[in-house]
Amino acid sequence: MSSDLIREILLNNASVFSRIGFTWGTNNKEIRCFRSSAPMGTAAPYIVYHDVGGVDGNPVGKSLKFRVLSWASDELSSKALANDVETALKNFSGKSGDTWIDGFVLDFFSDSHEEKETGLWYSIRTFTMIYGVN
């Protein structure tokens, strides 16, 4: 459910897109925003997102919990990307396709994680999306 919506929202946010979007100076439209895992050899920075909870009913509508990991080559860049993701989602409400999104709630965050094998840094944000389908 969240895959296309989350990707669409993040790629339409100028701050997030400027970090993970076009490789400037080339014709390569490399967009580094992936569901579940990044392909081998993906250059940082990039975002990986996945659902962590099923669809629940609530008084407002339906909700879905998902996690976004923001990967970068250094600690400060991973935090900056994660903060841009957080701002983009927390400030979004509106229609995407047939889905009306009432908003996103930040449930959890954790910064400053280094993956020893690759030397990449990542930050975690977990959100609940409140939505309804027309």
C-alpha atoms as a PDB file:
ATOM      1  CA  MET A   1       0.000   0.000   0.000  1.00  0.00           C
ATOM      2  CA  SER A   2       2.570   2.583   1.053  1.00  0.00           C
ATOM      3  CA  SER A   3       5.154   1.914  -1.650  1.00  0.00           C
ATOM      4  CA  ASP A   4       3.930   4.176  -4.428  1.00  0.00           C
ATOM      5  CA  LEU A   5       2.536   6.814  -2.059  1.00  0.00           C
ATOM      6  CA  ILE A   6       5.675   7.201   0.037  1.00  0.00           C
ATOM      7  CA  ARG A   7       7.930   7.252  -3.016  1.00  0.00           C
ATOM      8  CA  GLU A   8       5.706   9.811  -4.762  1.00  0.00           C
ATOM      9  CA  ILE A   9       5.586  12.138  -1.753  1.00  0.00           C
ATOM     10  CA  LEU A  10       9.332  11.999  -1.130  1.00  0.00           C
ATOM     11  CA  LEU A  11      10.295  12.465  -4.769  1.00  0.00           C
ATOM     12  CA  ASN A  12       7.959  15.450  -5.073  1.00  0.00           C
ATOM     13  CA  ASN A  13       9.633  17.148  -2.116  1.00  0.00           C
ATOM     14  CA  ALA A  14      12.388  19.465  -3.354  1.00  0.00           C
ATOM     15  CA  SER A  15      14.682  18.980  -0.341  1.00  0.00           C
ATOM     16  CA  VAL A  16      14.520  15.187  -0.401  1.00  0.00           C
ATOM     17  CA  PHE A  17      14.726  14.990  -4.188  1.00  0.00           C
ATOM     18  CA  SER A  18      17.797  17.225  -4.290  1.00  0.00           C
ATOM     19  CA  ARG A  19      19.626  14.707  -2.076  1.00  0.00           C
ATOM     20  CA  ILE A  20      18.539  11.435  -3.753  1.00  0.00           C
ATOM     21  CA  GLY A  21      17.386  12.472  -7.207  1.00  0.00           C
ATOM     22  CA  PHE A  22      19.193  13.409 -10.381  1.00  0.00           C
ATOM     23  CA  THR A  23      22.928  12.997 -10.686  1.00  0.00           C
ATOM     24  CA  TRP A  24      23.520  16.621 -11.604  1.00  0.00           C
ATOM     25  CA  GLY A  25      25.538  17.364 -14.738  1.00  0.00           C
ATOM     26  CA  THR A  26      24.462  14.162 -16.473  1.00  0.00           C
ATOM     27  CA  ASN A  27      21.402  12.900 -18.291  1.00  0.00           C
ATOM     28  CA  ASN A  28      21.137  10.076 -15.753  1.00  0.00           C
ATOM     29  CA  LYS A  29      17.840  10.273 -13.895  1.00  0.00           C
ATOM     30  CA  GLU A  30      19.070   8.095 -11.054  1.00  0.00           C
ATOM     31  CA  ILE A  31      16.518   8.250  -8.258  1.00  0.00           C
ATOM     32  CA  ARG A  32      17.695   6.452  -5.142  1.00  0.00           C
ATOM     33  CA  CYS A  33      14.430   5.674  -3.309  1.00  0.00           C
ATOM     34  CA  PHE A  34      13.721   1.963  -2.890  1.00  0.00           C
ATOM     35  CA  ARG A  35      11.156  -0.317  -1.307  1.00  0.00           C
ATOM     36  CA  SER A  36      12.665  -2.947   1.026  1.00  0.00           C
ATOM     37  CA  SER A  37      16.327  -2.809  -0.058  1.00  0.00           C
ATOM     38  CA  ALA A  38      18.669  -0.960  -2.383  1.00  0.00           C
ATOM     39  CA  PRO A  39      20.212  -2.783  -5.351  1.00  0.00           C
ATOM     40  CA  MET A  40      23.824  -3.877  -4.880  1.00  0.00           C
ATOM     41  CA  GLY A  41      26.247  -1.087  -5.710  1.00  0.00           C
ATOM     42  CA  THR A  42      23.763   1.766  -5.181  1.00  0.00           C
ATOM     43  CA  ALA A  43      25.644   4.981  -4.476  1.00  0.00           C
ATOM     44  CA  ALA A  44      24.779   6.815  -1.271  1.00  0.00           C
ATOM     45  CA  PRO A  45      22.812   8.829  -0.380  1.00  0.00           C
ATOM     46  CA  TYR A  46      19.626   6.832  -0.774  1.00  0.00           C
ATOM     47  CA  ILE A  47      16.393   5.953   1.016  1.00  0.00           C
ATOM     48  CA  VAL A  48      14.901   2.549   1.759  1.00  0.00           C
ATOM     49  CA  TYR A  49      11.341   2.211   3.103  1.00  0.00           C
ATOM     50  CA  HIS A  50       9.095  -0.671   4.088  1.00  0.00           C
ATOM     51  CA  ASP A  51       5.860  -1.403   5.926  1.00  0.00           C
ATOM     52  CA  VAL A  52       6.249  -2.531   9.528  1.00  0.00           C
ATOM     53  CA  GLY A  53       2.588  -2.813  10.494  1.00  0.00           C
ATOM     54  CA  GLY A  54      -0.642  -3.831   8.887  1.00  0.00           C
ATOM     55  CA  VAL A  55      -3.644  -1.689   8.145  1.00  0.00           C
ATOM     56  CA  ASP A  56      -5.532  -0.723  11.290  1.00  0.00           C
ATOM     57  CA  GLY A  57      -8.852   1.037  11.628  1.00  0.00           C
ATOM     58  CA  ASN A  58      -8.978   4.131  13.810  1.00  0.00           C
ATOM     59  CA  PRO A  59     -11.555   6.872  14.455  1.00  0.00           C
ATOM     60  CA  VAL A  60     -10.188   9.014  11.620  1.00  0.00           C
ATOM     61  CA  GLY A  61      -9.669   6.378   8.931  1.00  0.00           C
ATOM     62  CA  LYS A  62      -7.148   3.660   8.232  1.00  0.00           C
ATOM     63  CA  SER A  63      -3.533   3.707   9.336  1.00  0.00           C
ATOM     64  CA  LEU A  64      -0.355   2.032   8.211  1.00  0.00           C
ATOM     65  CA  LYS A  65       2.999   1.984  10.014  1.00  0.00           C
ATOM     66  CA  PHE A  66       6.179   2.099   7.937  1.00  0.00           C
ATOM     67  CA  ARG A  67       9.886   2.768   8.377  1.00  0.00           C
ATOM     68  CA  VAL A  68      12.298   4.879   6.326  1.00  0.00           C
ATOM     69  CA  LEU A  69      16.069   4.392   6.505  1.00  0.00           C
ATOM     70  CA  SER A  70      18.180   7.256   5.198  1.00  0.00           C
ATOM     71  CA  TRP A  71      21.634   6.103   4.069  1.00  0.00           C
ATOM     72  CA  ALA A  72      24.656   8.333   3.428  1.00  0.00           C
ATOM     73  CA  SER A  73      28.437   8.224   3.419  1.00  0.00           C
ATOM     74  CA  ASP A  74      28.745  10.161   6.679  1.00  0.00           C
ATOM     75  CA  GLU A  75      26.798  10.656   9.897  1.00  0.00           C
ATOM     76  CA  LEU A  76      25.745  14.278   9.333  1.00  0.00           C
ATOM     77  CA  SER A  77      24.476  13.591   5.816  1.00  0.00           C
ATOM     78  CA  SER A  78      22.360  10.650   6.971  1.00  0.00           C
ATOM     79  CA  LYS A  79      20.803  12.819   9.711  1.00  0.00           C
ATOM     80  CA  ALA A  80      20.170  15.672   7.268  1.00  0.00           C
ATOM     81  CA  LEU A  81      18.456  13.348   4.776  1.00  0.00           C
ATOM     82  CA  ALA A  82      16.392  11.742   7.561  1.00  0.00           C
ATOM     83  CA  ASN A  83      15.327  15.182   8.795  1.00  0.00           C
ATOM     84  CA  ASP A  84      14.288  16.167   5.256  1.00  0.00           C
ATOM     85  CA  VAL A  85      12.250  12.949   4.976  1.00  0.00           C
ATOM     86  CA  GLU A  86      10.620  13.638   8.338  1.00  0.00           C
ATOM     87  CA  THR A  87       9.735  17.217   7.379  1.00  0.00           C
ATOM     88  CA  ALA A  88       8.388  16.161   3.973  1.00  0.00           C
ATOM     89  CA  LEU A  89       6.066  13.543   5.463  1.00  0.00           C
ATOM     90  CA  LYS A  90       4.942  15.481   8.546  1.00  0.00           C
ATOM     91  CA  ASN A  91       3.992  18.456   6.359  1.00  0.00           C
ATOM     92  CA  PHE A  92       2.059  16.407   3.788  1.00  0.00           C
ATOM     93  CA  SER A  93      -1.657  15.891   3.572  1.00  0.00           C
ATOM     94  CA  GLY A  94      -3.665  15.564   0.422  1.00  0.00           C
ATOM     95  CA  LYS A  95      -4.697  13.221  -2.333  1.00  0.00           C
ATOM     96  CA  SER A  96      -2.408  10.777  -4.063  1.00  0.00           C
ATOM     97  CA  GLY A  97      -4.114   8.654  -6.705  1.00  0.00           C
ATOM     98  CA  ASP A  98      -7.303   7.270  -5.124  1.00  0.00           C
ATOM     99  CA  THR A  99      -5.968   7.730  -1.604  1.00  0.00           C
ATOM    100  CA  TRP A 100      -6.634  10.705   0.653  1.00  0.00           C
ATOM    101  CA  ILE A 101      -3.807  11.062   3.171  1.00  0.00           C
ATOM    102  CA  ASP A 102      -4.823  12.888   6.330  1.00  0.00           C
ATOM    103  CA  GLY A 103      -1.277  13.012   7.621  1.00  0.00           C
ATOM    104  CA  PHE A 104       1.779  11.282   9.006  1.00  0.00           C
ATOM    105  CA  VAL A 105       2.774  10.876  12.641  1.00  0.00           C
ATOM    106  CA  LEU A 106       6.402  10.303  13.622  1.00  0.00           C
ATOM    107  CA  ASP A 107       6.428   7.314  15.998  1.00  0.00           C
ATOM    108  CA  PHE A 108      10.160   6.732  16.439  1.00  0.00           C
ATOM    109  CA  PHE A 109      13.530   8.031  15.321  1.00  0.00           C
ATOM    110  CA  SER A 110      17.124   6.960  15.828  1.00  0.00           C
ATOM    111  CA  ASP A 111      20.257   8.502  14.342  1.00  0.00           C
ATOM    112  CA  SER A 112      23.982   7.828  14.114  1.00  0.00           C
ATOM    113  CA  HIS A 113      24.153   4.180  13.087  1.00  0.00           C
ATOM    114  CA  GLU A 114      27.163   2.984  11.107  1.00  0.00           C
ATOM    115  CA  GLU A 115      27.126  -0.216   9.106  1.00  0.00           C
ATOM    116  CA  LYS A 116      30.626  -1.577   9.647  1.00  0.00           C
ATOM    117  CA  GLU A 117      30.697  -3.711   6.497  1.00  0.00           C
ATOM    118  CA  THR A 118      30.065  -0.830   4.081  1.00  0.00           C
ATOM    119  CA  GLY A 119      31.103   2.161   6.202  1.00  0.00           C
ATOM    120  CA  LEU A 120      27.760   3.814   5.413  1.00  0.00           C
ATOM    121  CA  TRP A 121      25.724   5.671   8.021  1.00  0.00           C
ATOM    122  CA  TYR A 122      21.950   5.462   8.437  1.00  0.00           C
ATOM    123  CA  SER A 123      19.133   7.082  10.358  1.00  0.00           C
ATOM    124  CA  ILE A 124      15.745   5.539  11.063  1.00  0.00           C
ATOM    125  CA  ARG A 125      12.304   7.140  11.093  1.00  0.00           C
ATOM    126  CA  THR A 126       9.102   5.183  11.776  1.00  0.00           C
ATOM    127  CA  PHE A 127       5.773   6.790  10.856  1.00  0.00           C
ATOM    128  CA  THR A 128       2.080   6.072  10.949  1.00  0.00           C
ATOM    129  CA  MET A 129       0.167   7.194   7.869  1.00  0.00           C
ATOM    130  CA  ILE A 130      -3.529   8.034   8.404  1.00  0.00           C
ATOM    131  CA  TYR A 131      -5.489   7.658   5.170  1.00  0.00           C
ATOM    132  CA  GLY A 132      -8.752   6.825   3.465  1.00  0.00           C
ATOM    133  CA  VAL A 133      -9.494   5.368   0.034  1.00  0.00           C
ATOM    134  CA  ASN A 134     -12.146   6.905  -2.227  1.00  0.00           C
END
